[in-house]
Amino acid sequence: MSVALQCPRSSPSISELPLEERRGSYAMWCVIATESALFASFFAAYFYLGNNKARWQVDHPPKLLIALVLLAILVSSSFVLEWGKRRVVERRYAAARFLLAVTIFMGLVFLVLQAYEYIDHWKTLTPFSDSYGSIFYAITSFHAAHVIVGLLMLAYVLVLPRYAPARETPFRPYETVALYWHFVDVVWILVVLVLYVIPNMIAHG
């Protein structure tokens, strides 16, 4: 009577293991949560420093018009990017790539206008003027740094050789980078509200 020998089944390779389809999105949400905590700390510092009126000299609130223009540009860019994400789902990849390029262009316009705003502000307010100046430039420049990071990620997705359908791959760069860009948009809404709208409302009674 012969005994059949069975070879032990080899362990599956890494490529054969099941992958979490939304792992990229989960990772980006972790990044967003971390960065949200940082911005929350900045806003808390803004209100804390505002209580010390001796070191908080605000003769004139920042100009609201250019901040609203910047807000319109950034919000519009999020809609454009979301439109492009839907084109990926429809497998209209050329249109998606074009809309991604438009989003990048709008982000660059945002940075150029913000640089113009800085130049205008610098005439009367610098980071060394008082605590208000330091926290104002800290918050806005920190947000600008996030815009630059977002543009770099958008540029990376732009030059990818192909966009795979969302249900056929766990690698969803368009969707993942869109999450970050929408986060940058939401933060700017809060920046405009706290640093521009509220001070102007108080100043004009």
Protein backbone atom coordinates (compact mmCIF):
# COMPACT_ATOMS: atom_id res chain seq x y z
CA MET A 1 0.00 0.00 0.00
CA SER A 2 1.56 3.21 -1.12
CA VAL A 3 1.11 6.44 0.68
CA ALA A 4 0.73 9.51 -1.52
CA LEU A 5 2.95 12.31 -0.39
CA GLN A 6 1.47 15.76 -0.63
CA CYS A 7 3.76 18.72 -0.86
CA PRO A 8 2.83 21.54 1.46
CA ARG A 9 1.10 24.36 -0.33
CA SER A 10 3.38 27.32 -0.72
CA SER A 11 2.39 30.61 0.86
CA PRO A 12 0.74 33.09 -1.47
CA SER A 13 2.97 35.80 -2.84
CA ILE A 14 2.40 39.43 -1.98
CA SER A 15 0.88 40.05 -5.40
CA GLU A 16 -1.74 37.34 -4.73
CA LEU A 17 -2.88 38.73 -1.39
CA PRO A 18 -6.18 40.63 -1.33
CA LEU A 19 -5.78 44.39 -1.41
CA GLU A 20 -7.99 46.98 0.20
CA GLU A 21 -9.41 48.84 -2.75
CA ARG A 22 -9.67 52.15 -0.94
CA ARG A 23 -6.38 52.05 0.94
CA GLY A 24 -5.18 55.21 -0.84
CA SER A 25 -8.29 57.10 0.22
CA TYR A 26 -7.93 55.89 3.81
CA ALA A 27 -4.32 57.05 3.89
CA MET A 28 -5.30 60.46 2.52
CA TRP A 29 -8.02 60.80 5.16
CA CYS A 30 -5.34 60.18 7.80
CA VAL A 31 -3.23 62.96 6.27
CA ILE A 32 -6.24 65.27 6.22
CA ALA A 33 -7.00 64.50 9.88
CA THR A 34 -3.41 65.34 10.85
CA GLU A 35 -3.33 68.57 8.87
CA SER A 36 -6.75 69.55 10.22
CA ALA A 37 -5.33 69.35 13.74
CA LEU A 38 -2.48 71.66 12.72
CA PHE A 39 -4.84 74.24 11.25
CA ALA A 40 -7.07 73.97 14.32
CA SER A 41 -4.01 74.85 16.42
CA PHE A 42 -3.31 77.86 14.21
CA PHE A 43 -6.88 79.14 14.56
CA ALA A 44 -6.77 78.58 18.31
CA ALA A 45 -3.55 80.60 18.47
CA TYR A 46 -5.20 83.34 16.41
CA PHE A 47 -8.06 83.74 18.88
CA TYR A 48 -5.74 83.38 21.89
CA LEU A 49 -3.38 86.08 20.67
CA GLY A 50 -6.34 88.32 19.87
CA ASN A 51 -7.17 88.52 23.57
CA ASN A 52 -3.93 90.39 24.26
CA LYS A 53 -4.90 93.77 22.80
CA ALA A 54 -1.59 95.37 23.77
CA ARG A 55 0.18 93.22 21.18
CA TRP A 56 -2.72 92.97 18.73
CA GLN A 57 -2.82 96.16 16.72
CA VAL A 58 -5.22 95.90 13.78
CA ASP A 59 -5.77 99.39 12.38
CA HIS A 60 -7.47 98.13 9.25
CA PRO A 61 -8.81 94.63 8.54
CA PRO A 62 -7.37 92.84 5.50
CA LYS A 63 -9.02 93.65 2.19
CA LEU A 64 -11.99 91.39 1.62
CA LEU A 65 -12.34 91.65 -2.15
CA ILE A 66 -9.17 89.84 -3.16
CA ALA A 67 -9.79 87.16 -0.52
CA LEU A 68 -13.23 86.51 -2.03
CA VAL A 69 -11.71 86.35 -5.52
CA LEU A 70 -9.20 83.79 -4.26
CA LEU A 71 -12.04 81.87 -2.65
CA ALA A 72 -14.02 81.83 -5.90
CA ILE A 73 -10.99 80.51 -7.79
CA LEU A 74 -10.28 77.73 -5.32
CA VAL A 75 -13.91 76.63 -4.97
CA SER A 76 -14.30 76.62 -8.76
CA SER A 77 -11.14 74.53 -9.12
CA SER A 78 -12.62 71.90 -6.81
CA PHE A 79 -15.72 71.67 -8.99
CA VAL A 80 -13.53 71.34 -12.09
CA LEU A 81 -11.50 68.58 -10.46
CA GLU A 82 -14.63 66.74 -9.36
CA TRP A 83 -15.93 67.00 -12.90
CA GLY A 84 -12.69 65.44 -14.10
CA LYS A 85 -13.03 62.61 -11.58
CA ARG A 86 -16.41 61.75 -13.04
CA ARG A 87 -14.87 61.65 -16.51
CA VAL A 88 -12.48 58.97 -15.22
CA VAL A 89 -15.45 56.87 -14.12
CA GLU A 90 -16.91 57.30 -17.60
CA ARG A 91 -13.51 56.31 -19.09
CA ARG A 92 -13.22 59.65 -20.85
CA TYR A 93 -9.58 59.94 -19.91
CA ALA A 94 -8.59 62.74 -22.28
CA ALA A 95 -11.31 64.98 -20.84
CA ALA A 96 -10.27 64.04 -17.30
CA ARG A 97 -6.65 64.94 -18.03
CA PHE A 98 -7.68 68.27 -19.56
CA LEU A 99 -9.81 69.17 -16.54
CA LEU A 100 -6.93 68.22 -14.24
CA ALA A 101 -4.69 70.60 -16.18
CA VAL A 102 -7.31 73.35 -15.78
CA THR A 103 -7.35 72.72 -12.03
CA ILE A 104 -3.57 73.10 -11.89
CA PHE A 105 -3.77 76.35 -13.84
CA MET A 106 -6.39 77.73 -11.45
CA GLY A 107 -4.20 76.75 -8.50
CA LEU A 108 -1.28 78.64 -10.01
CA VAL A 109 -3.48 81.70 -10.54
CA PHE A 110 -4.47 81.45 -6.87
CA LEU A 111 -0.82 81.53 -5.79
CA VAL A 112 0.00 84.47 -8.06
CA LEU A 113 -2.90 86.52 -6.69
CA GLN A 114 -2.01 85.59 -3.13
CA ALA A 115 1.56 86.77 -3.77
CA TYR A 116 0.11 90.08 -5.01
CA GLU A 117 -1.96 90.29 -1.82
CA TYR A 118 1.17 89.70 0.26
CA ILE A 119 2.99 92.51 -1.52
CA ASP A 120 0.06 94.83 -0.85
CA HIS A 121 -0.18 93.81 2.82
CA TRP A 122 3.56 94.15 3.34
CA LYS A 123 3.27 97.93 2.95
CA THR A 124 1.45 98.23 6.27
CA LEU A 125 1.81 94.82 7.95
CA THR A 126 4.70 92.38 8.27
CA PRO A 127 5.21 89.22 10.36
CA PHE A 128 7.37 91.36 12.68
CA SER A 129 4.81 94.13 13.25
CA ASP A 130 2.96 92.48 16.12
CA SER A 131 1.34 89.20 17.13
CA TYR A 132 -1.48 89.78 14.63
CA GLY A 133 0.96 90.11 11.76
CA SER A 134 2.86 86.99 12.76
CA ILE A 135 -0.21 84.75 13.04
CA PHE A 136 -1.82 86.23 9.90
CA TYR A 137 1.19 85.38 7.75
CA ALA A 138 1.68 82.05 9.52
CA ILE A 139 -1.84 80.85 8.69
CA THR A 140 -1.99 82.15 5.13
CA SER A 141 1.53 81.03 4.19
CA PHE A 142 0.96 77.61 5.74
CA HIS A 143 -2.16 77.27 3.61
CA ALA A 144 -0.21 78.40 0.55
CA ALA A 145 2.33 75.65 1.26
CA HIS A 146 -0.52 73.13 1.21
CA VAL A 147 -1.69 74.55 -2.12
CA ILE A 148 1.81 74.01 -3.52
CA VAL A 149 1.87 70.42 -2.24
CA GLY A 150 -1.55 69.86 -3.79
CA LEU A 151 -0.35 71.23 -7.13
CA LEU A 152 2.64 68.89 -7.07
CA MET A 153 0.35 65.92 -6.48
CA LEU A 154 -2.00 67.07 -9.23
CA ALA A 155 0.96 67.42 -11.59
CA TYR A 156 2.05 63.87 -10.76
CA VAL A 157 -1.40 62.52 -11.61
CA LEU A 158 -1.43 64.62 -14.78
CA VAL A 159 1.69 62.94 -16.17
CA LEU A 160 0.61 59.39 -15.35
CA PRO A 161 0.57 57.35 -18.58
CA ARG A 162 -2.96 56.04 -18.06
CA TYR A 163 -5.99 56.29 -15.81
CA ALA A 164 -7.46 52.89 -15.00
CA PRO A 165 -11.20 52.52 -14.35
CA ALA A 166 -12.02 52.93 -10.67
CA ARG A 167 -13.43 49.41 -10.24
CA GLU A 168 -10.57 47.64 -11.94
CA THR A 169 -7.67 48.76 -9.77
CA PRO A 170 -6.99 49.61 -6.12
CA PHE A 171 -4.75 52.46 -7.30
CA ARG A 172 -6.97 55.51 -7.63
CA PRO A 173 -4.68 58.54 -7.86
CA TYR A 174 -7.27 60.90 -9.31
CA GLU A 175 -9.74 60.22 -6.52
CA THR A 176 -7.09 60.37 -3.80
CA VAL A 177 -5.56 63.67 -4.86
CA ALA A 178 -9.05 65.15 -5.26
CA LEU A 179 -9.67 64.50 -1.56
CA TYR A 180 -6.59 66.52 -0.63
CA TRP A 181 -7.50 69.37 -2.97
CA HIS A 182 -11.02 69.60 -1.54
CA PHE A 183 -9.47 69.74 1.94
CA VAL A 184 -7.29 72.68 0.88
CA ASP A 185 -10.43 74.34 -0.44
CA VAL A 186 -12.34 73.87 2.83
CA VAL A 187 -9.44 75.26 4.86
CA TRP A 188 -9.35 78.40 2.72
CA ILE A 189 -13.08 78.91 3.34
CA LEU A 190 -12.32 78.91 7.08
CA VAL A 191 -9.33 81.22 6.58
CA VAL A 192 -11.45 83.74 4.70
CA LEU A 193 -14.19 83.55 7.33
CA VAL A 194 -11.90 83.95 10.35
CA LEU A 195 -9.18 86.27 9.01
CA TYR A 196 -11.16 88.39 6.55
CA VAL A 197 -14.95 88.30 6.89
CA ILE A 198 -15.28 88.52 10.68
CA PRO A 199 -12.67 91.34 11.11
CA ASN A 200 -14.38 93.35 8.35
CA MET A 201 -17.79 92.83 9.93
CA ILE A 202 -16.46 94.03 13.29
CA ALA A 203 -14.70 97.01 11.73
CA HIS A 204 -17.79 98.14 9.85
CA GLY A 205 -20.08 97.62 12.75
